[in-house]
């Protein structure tokens, strides 16, 4: 049975005041599994020579494994937020890191665009253009380890005369060592 099916059954079977804590307990279990996965991935990343071109595929694979490790927690977070109206931000684990992450403030989004080192951009699964793409830190998944969105410049549909807009392209994992500075 998949995660979505099991949490939907919980929500259908129990009243909301019982279902929400049960689903939050499941989310807490996923956060524990995610922390263990991120710890392992970060330790493996720190042992690699990121400047060695022969390591690029290994690093890209680590980034993909990290995104996959987050997917079960993301599915539960989305269900709680979208279907049950739960503010999950107070249930998310807190981790150390030097960079701010994106957050919804009272008047909109506070964005954390960062610039990555060239070797980091090359290892983003081959889908990242070293010049032009931007990376937006979305949240901390582990100490000094971030879920990030790769944003690509595109021609806007509604823009006049080929004005450039930025649109979401993909998600990746960024380690603090990948970051040059904040824009």
N, C-alpha and C. Protein backbone atom coordinates (compact mmCIF):
# COMPACT_ATOMS: atom_id res chain seq x y z
N UNK A 1 0.85 -1.18 0.00
CA UNK A 1 0.00 0.00 0.00
C UNK A 1 0.89 1.23 0.00
N UNK A 2 0.62 2.19 -0.89
CA UNK A 2 1.40 3.42 -0.99
C UNK A 2 1.07 4.40 0.12
N UNK A 3 1.93 5.37 0.26
CA UNK A 3 1.75 6.39 1.30
C UNK A 3 0.44 7.13 1.12
N UNK A 4 0.17 7.59 -0.12
CA UNK A 4 -1.05 8.35 -0.36
C UNK A 4 -2.29 7.54 0.02
N UNK A 5 -2.30 6.28 -0.38
CA UNK A 5 -3.46 5.45 -0.10
C UNK A 5 -3.64 5.24 1.41
N UNK A 6 -2.54 5.00 2.12
CA UNK A 6 -2.66 4.75 3.56
C UNK A 6 -3.11 5.99 4.32
N UNK A 7 -2.60 7.17 3.94
CA UNK A 7 -3.04 8.36 4.69
C UNK A 7 -4.45 8.78 4.28
N UNK A 8 -4.84 8.50 3.04
CA UNK A 8 -6.23 8.77 2.64
C UNK A 8 -7.19 7.87 3.40
N UNK A 9 -6.80 6.61 3.61
CA UNK A 9 -7.64 5.69 4.39
C UNK A 9 -7.75 6.15 5.84
N UNK A 10 -6.66 6.60 6.41
CA UNK A 10 -6.71 7.13 7.78
C UNK A 10 -7.67 8.31 7.85
N UNK A 11 -7.53 9.25 6.88
CA UNK A 11 -8.40 10.43 6.87
C UNK A 11 -9.87 10.06 6.67
N UNK A 12 -10.13 9.02 5.88
CA UNK A 12 -11.52 8.61 5.63
C UNK A 12 -12.12 7.84 6.80
N UNK A 13 -11.30 7.07 7.49
CA UNK A 13 -11.80 6.18 8.53
C UNK A 13 -11.99 6.90 9.87
N UNK A 14 -11.08 7.81 10.22
CA UNK A 14 -11.10 8.47 11.53
C UNK A 14 -11.61 9.90 11.41
N UNK A 15 -12.20 10.40 12.50
CA UNK A 15 -12.56 11.83 12.50
C UNK A 15 -11.26 12.66 12.44
N UNK A 16 -11.38 13.88 11.98
CA UNK A 16 -10.19 14.72 11.75
C UNK A 16 -9.32 14.88 12.99
N UNK A 17 -9.92 15.02 14.17
CA UNK A 17 -9.12 15.23 15.38
C UNK A 17 -8.30 13.99 15.77
N UNK A 18 -8.64 12.84 15.22
CA UNK A 18 -7.85 11.61 15.42
C UNK A 18 -6.92 11.38 14.22
N UNK A 19 -7.43 11.65 13.03
CA UNK A 19 -6.66 11.39 11.81
C UNK A 19 -5.41 12.26 11.72
N UNK A 20 -5.54 13.54 12.04
CA UNK A 20 -4.39 14.45 11.92
C UNK A 20 -3.21 13.99 12.78
N UNK A 21 -3.41 13.68 14.08
CA UNK A 21 -2.26 13.20 14.85
C UNK A 21 -1.67 11.88 14.33
N UNK A 22 -2.52 10.99 13.81
CA UNK A 22 -2.01 9.74 13.25
C UNK A 22 -1.14 10.01 12.02
N UNK A 23 -1.60 10.90 11.16
CA UNK A 23 -0.83 11.23 9.97
C UNK A 23 0.44 12.00 10.34
N UNK A 24 0.35 12.87 11.34
CA UNK A 24 1.55 13.58 11.80
C UNK A 24 2.58 12.61 12.37
N UNK A 25 2.12 11.56 13.03
CA UNK A 25 3.06 10.54 13.53
C UNK A 25 3.75 9.85 12.36
N UNK A 26 3.01 9.59 11.30
CA UNK A 26 3.61 9.00 10.10
C UNK A 26 4.64 9.95 9.49
N UNK A 27 4.31 11.24 9.49
CA UNK A 27 5.24 12.25 8.97
C UNK A 27 6.50 12.31 9.83
N UNK A 28 6.33 12.22 11.13
CA UNK A 28 7.49 12.22 12.02
C UNK A 28 8.41 11.03 11.74
N UNK A 29 7.82 9.87 11.46
CA UNK A 29 8.62 8.70 11.07
C UNK A 29 9.38 8.95 9.77
N UNK A 30 8.72 9.60 8.83
CA UNK A 30 9.38 9.92 7.56
C UNK A 30 10.51 10.93 7.77
N UNK A 31 10.32 11.88 8.67
CA UNK A 31 11.40 12.84 8.97
C UNK A 31 12.60 12.14 9.59
N UNK A 32 12.35 11.14 10.43
CA UNK A 32 13.45 10.37 11.02
C UNK A 32 14.21 9.62 9.93
N UNK A 33 13.47 8.98 9.03
CA UNK A 33 14.11 8.26 7.92
C UNK A 33 14.87 9.24 7.02
N UNK A 34 14.28 10.41 6.79
CA UNK A 34 14.92 11.42 5.95
C UNK A 34 16.22 11.92 6.59
N UNK A 35 16.19 12.14 7.88
CA UNK A 35 17.40 12.60 8.57
C UNK A 35 18.52 11.56 8.44
N UNK A 36 18.18 10.31 8.61
CA UNK A 36 19.19 9.25 8.47
C UNK A 36 19.74 9.20 7.04
N UNK A 37 18.85 9.32 6.06
CA UNK A 37 19.28 9.30 4.66
C UNK A 37 20.16 10.50 4.34
N UNK A 38 19.76 11.69 4.80
CA UNK A 38 20.53 12.91 4.52
C UNK A 38 21.89 12.87 5.20
N UNK A 39 21.93 12.33 6.40
CA UNK A 39 23.21 12.22 7.10
C UNK A 39 24.18 11.35 6.29
N UNK A 40 23.68 10.22 5.81
CA UNK A 40 24.51 9.33 5.01
C UNK A 40 24.95 9.99 3.71
N UNK A 41 24.02 10.65 3.03
CA UNK A 41 24.33 11.29 1.75
C UNK A 41 25.33 12.42 1.95
N UNK A 42 25.12 13.23 2.98
CA UNK A 42 26.05 14.33 3.23
C UNK A 42 27.45 13.81 3.55
N UNK A 43 27.55 12.78 4.37
CA UNK A 43 28.86 12.20 4.70
C UNK A 43 29.55 11.67 3.44
N UNK A 44 28.80 11.02 2.57
CA UNK A 44 29.37 10.51 1.32
C UNK A 44 29.81 11.67 0.42
N UNK A 45 29.01 12.72 0.37
CA UNK A 45 29.34 13.90 -0.44
C UNK A 45 30.64 14.54 0.04
N UNK A 46 30.78 14.71 1.36
CA UNK A 46 31.97 15.37 1.89
C UNK A 46 33.24 14.57 1.65
N UNK A 47 33.13 13.27 1.42
CA UNK A 47 34.30 12.44 1.14
C UNK A 47 34.72 12.50 -0.32
N UNK A 48 33.85 13.00 -1.19
CA UNK A 48 34.16 13.06 -2.62
C UNK A 48 34.98 14.31 -2.95
N UNK A 49 35.79 14.22 -3.97
CA UNK A 49 36.52 15.38 -4.49
C UNK A 49 35.62 16.04 -5.52
N UNK A 50 34.92 17.10 -5.10
CA UNK A 50 33.93 17.73 -5.99
C UNK A 50 34.56 18.41 -7.19
N UNK A 51 35.86 18.67 -7.14
CA UNK A 51 36.54 19.30 -8.27
C UNK A 51 37.02 18.29 -9.30
N UNK A 52 36.90 17.02 -9.00
CA UNK A 52 37.32 15.96 -9.92
C UNK A 52 36.18 15.68 -10.90
N UNK A 53 36.38 15.96 -12.19
CA UNK A 53 35.31 15.71 -13.17
C UNK A 53 34.82 14.27 -13.18
N UNK A 54 35.66 13.32 -12.77
CA UNK A 54 35.25 11.92 -12.74
C UNK A 54 34.21 11.65 -11.65
N UNK A 55 34.07 12.56 -10.70
CA UNK A 55 33.12 12.39 -9.60
C UNK A 55 31.74 12.99 -9.89
N UNK A 56 31.60 13.68 -11.01
CA UNK A 56 30.35 14.39 -11.29
C UNK A 56 29.13 13.47 -11.30
N UNK A 57 29.25 12.31 -11.91
CA UNK A 57 28.11 11.39 -11.93
C UNK A 57 27.77 10.89 -10.55
N UNK A 58 28.78 10.60 -9.72
CA UNK A 58 28.53 10.15 -8.35
C UNK A 58 27.81 11.23 -7.54
N UNK A 59 28.24 12.47 -7.71
CA UNK A 59 27.62 13.57 -6.98
C UNK A 59 26.19 13.79 -7.47
N UNK A 60 25.99 13.73 -8.79
CA UNK A 60 24.64 13.87 -9.34
C UNK A 60 23.73 12.76 -8.81
N UNK A 61 24.25 11.54 -8.72
CA UNK A 61 23.47 10.42 -8.18
C UNK A 61 23.10 10.66 -6.73
N UNK A 62 24.03 11.21 -5.95
CA UNK A 62 23.73 11.53 -4.54
C UNK A 62 22.60 12.55 -4.45
N UNK A 63 22.64 13.56 -5.31
CA UNK A 63 21.59 14.58 -5.30
C UNK A 63 20.23 13.94 -5.62
N UNK A 64 20.21 13.05 -6.60
CA UNK A 64 18.95 12.39 -6.96
C UNK A 64 18.45 11.49 -5.83
N UNK A 65 19.36 10.76 -5.18
CA UNK A 65 18.97 9.92 -4.04
C UNK A 65 18.38 10.77 -2.92
N UNK A 66 18.96 11.94 -2.70
CA UNK A 66 18.46 12.82 -1.64
C UNK A 66 17.06 13.33 -1.96
N UNK A 67 16.81 13.71 -3.21
CA UNK A 67 15.47 14.16 -3.61
C UNK A 67 14.48 13.02 -3.44
N UNK A 68 14.86 11.82 -3.86
CA UNK A 68 13.98 10.66 -3.71
C UNK A 68 13.69 10.35 -2.24
N UNK A 69 14.69 10.54 -1.38
CA UNK A 69 14.49 10.29 0.05
C UNK A 69 13.45 11.24 0.65
N UNK A 70 13.34 12.44 0.09
CA UNK A 70 12.40 13.43 0.61
C UNK A 70 10.97 13.21 0.12
N UNK A 71 10.78 12.50 -0.97
CA UNK A 71 9.45 12.37 -1.59
C UNK A 71 8.37 11.83 -0.65
N UNK A 72 8.62 10.78 0.16
CA UNK A 72 7.54 10.31 1.06
C UNK A 72 7.08 11.39 2.05
N UNK A 73 8.03 12.11 2.63
CA UNK A 73 7.66 13.18 3.56
C UNK A 73 6.90 14.28 2.82
N UNK A 74 7.34 14.59 1.61
CA UNK A 74 6.67 15.62 0.82
C UNK A 74 5.22 15.24 0.54
N UNK A 75 4.98 13.99 0.22
CA UNK A 75 3.60 13.55 -0.07
C UNK A 75 2.70 13.73 1.16
N UNK A 76 3.24 13.38 2.33
CA UNK A 76 2.45 13.54 3.56
C UNK A 76 2.25 15.01 3.87
N UNK A 77 3.31 15.82 3.74
CA UNK A 77 3.19 17.26 3.98
C UNK A 77 2.11 17.86 3.07
N UNK A 78 2.15 17.49 1.80
CA UNK A 78 1.18 18.02 0.84
C UNK A 78 -0.24 17.62 1.20
N UNK A 79 -0.43 16.36 1.59
CA UNK A 79 -1.77 15.88 1.96
C UNK A 79 -2.29 16.67 3.16
N UNK A 80 -1.46 16.80 4.19
CA UNK A 80 -1.88 17.52 5.40
C UNK A 80 -2.22 18.98 5.08
N UNK A 81 -1.43 19.59 4.23
CA UNK A 81 -1.64 21.00 3.91
C UNK A 81 -2.85 21.20 3.00
N UNK A 82 -2.89 20.44 1.92
CA UNK A 82 -3.91 20.67 0.90
C UNK A 82 -5.27 20.08 1.25
N UNK A 83 -5.28 18.90 1.86
CA UNK A 83 -6.56 18.22 2.09
C UNK A 83 -7.11 18.40 3.51
N UNK A 84 -6.20 18.68 4.45
CA UNK A 84 -6.65 18.78 5.84
C UNK A 84 -6.44 20.17 6.44
N UNK A 85 -5.81 21.06 5.69
CA UNK A 85 -5.63 22.44 6.15
C UNK A 85 -4.69 22.59 7.33
N UNK A 86 -3.73 21.70 7.47
CA UNK A 86 -2.80 21.73 8.60
C UNK A 86 -1.58 22.57 8.22
N UNK A 87 -1.17 23.46 9.12
CA UNK A 87 0.07 24.22 8.94
C UNK A 87 1.21 23.34 9.44
N UNK A 88 1.92 22.73 8.52
CA UNK A 88 2.95 21.76 8.91
C UNK A 88 4.26 22.41 9.29
N UNK A 89 4.40 23.72 9.07
CA UNK A 89 5.69 24.37 9.32
C UNK A 89 6.15 24.21 10.77
N UNK A 90 5.22 24.15 11.69
CA UNK A 90 5.61 24.01 13.10
C UNK A 90 6.00 22.57 13.46
N UNK A 91 5.76 21.63 12.56
CA UNK A 91 6.13 20.23 12.80
C UNK A 91 7.43 19.83 12.11
N UNK A 92 7.94 20.72 11.25
CA UNK A 92 9.16 20.40 10.51
C UNK A 92 10.38 20.49 11.42
N UNK A 93 11.34 19.59 11.24
CA UNK A 93 12.56 19.66 12.05
C UNK A 93 13.37 20.91 11.72
N UNK A 94 14.10 21.39 12.71
CA UNK A 94 14.99 22.54 12.53
C UNK A 94 16.42 22.04 12.40
N UNK A 95 17.14 22.58 11.43
CA UNK A 95 18.53 22.19 11.22
C UNK A 95 19.40 23.43 11.08
N UNK A 96 20.70 23.25 11.35
CA UNK A 96 21.65 24.34 11.20
C UNK A 96 21.95 24.57 9.73
N UNK A 97 22.32 25.78 9.43
CA UNK A 97 22.75 26.14 8.09
C UNK A 97 23.05 27.62 8.04
N UNK A 98 23.93 28.02 7.14
CA UNK A 98 24.34 29.42 7.07
C UNK A 98 23.44 30.28 6.21
N UNK A 99 22.59 29.67 5.41
CA UNK A 99 21.80 30.45 4.46
C UNK A 99 20.33 30.42 4.82
N UNK A 100 19.69 31.55 4.61
CA UNK A 100 18.26 31.61 4.81
C UNK A 100 17.59 30.80 3.72
N UNK A 101 16.38 30.37 4.00
CA UNK A 101 15.63 29.64 2.99
C UNK A 101 14.35 30.40 2.69
N UNK A 102 13.71 30.04 1.62
CA UNK A 102 12.49 30.74 1.23
C UNK A 102 11.41 30.52 2.29
N UNK A 103 10.67 31.55 2.51
CA UNK A 103 9.60 31.45 3.50
C UNK A 103 8.47 32.39 3.12
N UNK A 104 7.27 31.97 3.43
CA UNK A 104 6.13 32.84 3.20
C UNK A 104 6.04 33.79 4.39
N UNK A 105 6.10 35.05 4.10
CA UNK A 105 5.94 36.08 5.12
C UNK A 105 4.56 36.69 4.95
N UNK A 106 4.21 37.60 5.83
CA UNK A 106 2.88 38.20 5.77
C UNK A 106 2.60 38.87 4.43
N UNK A 107 3.62 39.43 3.82
CA UNK A 107 3.42 40.17 2.58
C UNK A 107 3.96 39.44 1.36
N UNK A 108 4.12 38.14 1.43
CA UNK A 108 4.57 37.39 0.26
C UNK A 108 5.77 36.54 0.56
N UNK A 109 6.49 36.16 -0.50
CA UNK A 109 7.63 35.26 -0.37
C UNK A 109 8.91 36.02 -0.10
N UNK A 110 9.71 35.48 0.80
CA UNK A 110 11.07 35.97 0.98
C UNK A 110 11.96 34.94 0.29
N UNK A 111 12.64 35.34 -0.76
CA UNK A 111 13.36 34.40 -1.59
C UNK A 111 14.84 34.33 -1.24
N UNK A 112 15.39 33.14 -1.34
CA UNK A 112 16.81 32.93 -1.10
C UNK A 112 17.46 32.38 -2.36
N UNK A 113 17.74 33.26 -3.29
CA UNK A 113 18.49 32.86 -4.47
C UNK A 113 19.96 32.79 -4.09
N UNK A 114 20.63 31.77 -4.55
CA UNK A 114 22.06 31.64 -4.27
C UNK A 114 22.81 31.35 -5.55
N UNK A 115 24.09 31.64 -5.52
CA UNK A 115 24.97 31.32 -6.63
C UNK A 115 25.76 30.09 -6.23
N UNK A 116 25.84 29.13 -7.15
CA UNK A 116 26.57 27.90 -6.86
C UNK A 116 27.92 27.91 -7.56
N UNK A 117 28.85 27.16 -7.00
CA UNK A 117 30.15 26.96 -7.65
C UNK A 117 29.93 26.24 -8.98
N UNK A 118 30.83 26.46 -9.90
CA UNK A 118 30.69 25.87 -11.23
C UNK A 118 30.62 24.35 -11.18
N UNK A 119 31.43 23.72 -10.33
CA UNK A 119 31.41 22.26 -10.26
C UNK A 119 30.07 21.75 -9.73
N UNK A 120 29.42 22.53 -8.86
CA UNK A 120 28.10 22.14 -8.36
C UNK A 120 27.05 22.25 -9.46
N UNK A 121 27.12 23.31 -10.25
CA UNK A 121 26.15 23.46 -11.34
C UNK A 121 26.29 22.32 -12.34
N UNK A 122 27.51 21.86 -12.58
CA UNK A 122 27.71 20.78 -13.55
C UNK A 122 27.14 19.46 -13.05
N UNK A 123 27.01 19.29 -11.74
CA UNK A 123 26.53 18.00 -11.22
C UNK A 123 25.03 17.97 -10.96
N UNK A 124 24.31 18.98 -11.39
CA UNK A 124 22.87 18.99 -11.14
C UNK A 124 22.13 18.16 -12.19
N UNK A 125 22.60 16.96 -12.39
CA UNK A 125 21.90 16.01 -13.25
C UNK A 125 21.94 16.34 -14.73
N UNK A 126 22.85 17.22 -15.14
CA UNK A 126 22.95 17.55 -16.55
C UNK A 126 21.86 18.46 -17.07
N UNK A 127 20.99 18.95 -16.17
CA UNK A 127 19.88 19.78 -16.63
C UNK A 127 20.08 21.25 -16.32
N UNK A 128 21.25 21.60 -15.82
CA UNK A 128 21.46 22.96 -15.35
C UNK A 128 22.48 23.67 -16.22
N UNK A 129 22.11 24.82 -16.72
CA UNK A 129 23.00 25.66 -17.51
C UNK A 129 23.85 26.47 -16.54
N UNK A 130 25.16 26.41 -16.69
CA UNK A 130 26.03 27.10 -15.73
C UNK A 130 25.78 28.60 -15.75
N UNK A 131 25.50 29.14 -16.91
CA UNK A 131 25.22 30.57 -16.99
C UNK A 131 23.72 30.75 -17.21
N UNK A 132 23.09 31.49 -16.35
CA UNK A 132 21.68 31.83 -16.57
C UNK A 132 20.73 31.20 -15.59
N UNK A 133 20.94 29.94 -15.22
CA UNK A 133 20.00 29.31 -14.28
C UNK A 133 20.25 29.83 -12.87
N UNK A 134 19.19 29.85 -12.08
CA UNK A 134 19.29 30.30 -10.71
C UNK A 134 18.81 29.20 -9.79
N UNK A 135 19.30 29.20 -8.58
CA UNK A 135 18.91 28.20 -7.61
C UNK A 135 18.27 28.91 -6.43
N UNK A 136 17.11 28.44 -6.06
CA UNK A 136 16.33 29.00 -4.97
C UNK A 136 16.29 27.98 -3.85
N UNK A 137 16.79 28.33 -2.68
CA UNK A 137 16.74 27.41 -1.54
C UNK A 137 15.33 27.40 -0.99
N UNK A 138 14.75 26.21 -0.88
CA UNK A 138 13.36 26.10 -0.43
C UNK A 138 13.26 25.76 1.05
N UNK A 139 14.06 24.81 1.51
CA UNK A 139 14.03 24.45 2.94
C UNK A 139 15.23 23.61 3.28
N UNK A 140 15.51 23.52 4.57
CA UNK A 140 16.61 22.68 5.04
C UNK A 140 16.08 21.27 5.26
N UNK A 141 16.78 20.30 4.70
CA UNK A 141 16.41 18.90 4.89
C UNK A 141 17.31 18.23 5.91
N UNK A 142 18.47 18.82 6.15
CA UNK A 142 19.42 18.30 7.13
C UNK A 142 20.42 19.42 7.37
N UNK A 143 21.33 19.22 8.30
CA UNK A 143 22.31 20.25 8.61
C UNK A 143 23.08 20.65 7.36
N UNK A 144 23.02 21.94 7.02
CA UNK A 144 23.76 22.49 5.88
C UNK A 144 23.41 21.81 4.56
N UNK A 145 22.22 21.25 4.49
CA UNK A 145 21.74 20.53 3.30
C UNK A 145 20.34 21.04 2.97
N UNK A 146 20.17 21.50 1.73
CA UNK A 146 18.94 22.19 1.36
C UNK A 146 18.23 21.52 0.20
N UNK A 147 16.90 21.56 0.24
CA UNK A 147 16.10 21.27 -0.94
C UNK A 147 16.07 22.58 -1.72
N UNK A 148 16.33 22.52 -3.01
CA UNK A 148 16.41 23.73 -3.82
C UNK A 148 15.66 23.55 -5.13
N UNK A 149 15.23 24.65 -5.68
CA UNK A 149 14.59 24.65 -7.00
C UNK A 149 15.53 25.30 -7.99
N UNK A 150 15.67 24.64 -9.13
CA UNK A 150 16.44 25.23 -10.23
C UNK A 150 15.44 26.04 -11.07
N UNK A 151 15.73 27.32 -11.22
CA UNK A 151 14.85 28.23 -11.95
C UNK A 151 15.53 28.61 -13.26
N UNK A 152 14.81 28.48 -14.37
CA UNK A 152 15.37 28.78 -15.69
C UNK A 152 14.75 30.05 -16.27
N UNK A 153 15.59 30.89 -16.88
CA UNK A 153 15.02 32.05 -17.58
C UNK A 153 14.33 31.58 -18.87
N UNK A 154 13.16 32.11 -19.14
CA UNK A 154 12.40 31.75 -20.34
C UNK A 154 11.74 33.01 -20.90
N UNK A 155 11.22 32.89 -22.09
CA UNK A 155 10.44 33.98 -22.68
C UNK A 155 9.02 33.87 -22.13
N UNK A 156 8.53 34.96 -21.56
CA UNK A 156 7.19 34.95 -20.96
C UNK A 156 6.11 34.89 -22.03
N UNK A 157 5.06 34.14 -21.73
CA UNK A 157 3.92 34.07 -22.65
C UNK A 157 3.18 35.40 -22.71
N UNK A 158 3.09 36.05 -21.57
CA UNK A 158 2.31 37.29 -21.50
C UNK A 158 3.16 38.53 -21.73
N UNK A 159 4.46 38.35 -21.81
CA UNK A 159 5.35 39.50 -21.94
C UNK A 159 5.32 40.08 -23.35
N UNK A 160 5.60 41.34 -23.40
CA UNK A 160 5.70 42.01 -24.68
C UNK A 160 7.15 42.02 -25.13
N UNK A 161 7.37 41.82 -26.41
CA UNK A 161 8.69 41.93 -27.03
C UNK A 161 9.74 41.03 -26.38
N UNK A 162 9.38 39.78 -26.08
CA UNK A 162 10.36 38.79 -25.62
C UNK A 162 10.93 39.04 -24.24
N UNK A 163 10.18 39.63 -23.36
CA UNK A 163 10.64 39.86 -21.99
C UNK A 163 10.96 38.52 -21.33
N UNK A 164 11.99 38.48 -20.51
CA UNK A 164 12.41 37.24 -19.87
C UNK A 164 11.75 37.08 -18.51
N UNK A 165 11.28 35.88 -18.24
CA UNK A 165 10.72 35.52 -16.94
C UNK A 165 11.53 34.35 -16.39
N UNK A 166 11.27 34.01 -15.16
CA UNK A 166 11.93 32.87 -14.54
C UNK A 166 10.87 31.85 -14.20
N UNK A 167 11.11 30.56 -14.56
CA UNK A 167 10.14 29.53 -14.23
C UNK A 167 10.85 28.33 -13.61
N UNK A 168 10.10 27.59 -12.83
CA UNK A 168 10.60 26.40 -12.16
C UNK A 168 11.00 25.34 -13.18
N UNK A 169 12.15 24.71 -12.97
CA UNK A 169 12.60 23.65 -13.87
C UNK A 169 12.66 22.30 -13.16
N UNK A 170 13.32 22.24 -12.01
CA UNK A 170 13.48 20.96 -11.33
C UNK A 170 13.89 21.19 -9.89
N UNK A 171 13.83 20.13 -9.10
CA UNK A 171 14.31 20.21 -7.72
C UNK A 171 15.62 19.46 -7.60
N UNK A 172 16.43 19.92 -6.68
CA UNK A 172 17.71 19.27 -6.45
C UNK A 172 18.07 19.44 -4.98
N UNK A 173 19.20 18.88 -4.61
CA UNK A 173 19.74 19.05 -3.27
C UNK A 173 21.02 19.86 -3.40
N UNK A 174 21.16 20.84 -2.53
CA UNK A 174 22.34 21.69 -2.51
C UNK A 174 22.97 21.60 -1.13
N UNK A 175 24.26 21.37 -1.12
CA UNK A 175 25.00 21.35 0.13
C UNK A 175 25.66 22.72 0.32
N UNK A 176 25.87 23.11 1.55
CA UNK A 176 26.43 24.43 1.80
C UNK A 176 27.75 24.65 1.08
N UNK A 177 28.52 23.57 0.91
CA UNK A 177 29.81 23.67 0.23
C UNK A 177 29.65 24.01 -1.26
N UNK A 178 28.43 23.83 -1.80
CA UNK A 178 28.17 24.16 -3.20
C UNK A 178 27.98 25.66 -3.42
N UNK A 179 27.66 26.37 -2.35
CA UNK A 179 27.21 27.75 -2.47
C UNK A 179 28.39 28.71 -2.45
N UNK A 180 28.41 29.61 -3.44
CA UNK A 180 29.45 30.64 -3.48
C UNK A 180 29.06 31.76 -2.54
N UNK A 181 27.88 32.31 -2.77
CA UNK A 181 27.38 33.39 -1.93
C UNK A 181 25.90 33.60 -2.25
N UNK A 182 25.30 34.54 -1.55
CA UNK A 182 23.92 34.87 -1.86
C UNK A 182 23.90 36.04 -2.81
N UNK A 183 22.89 36.08 -3.67
CA UNK A 183 22.77 37.19 -4.62
C UNK A 183 22.33 38.44 -3.90
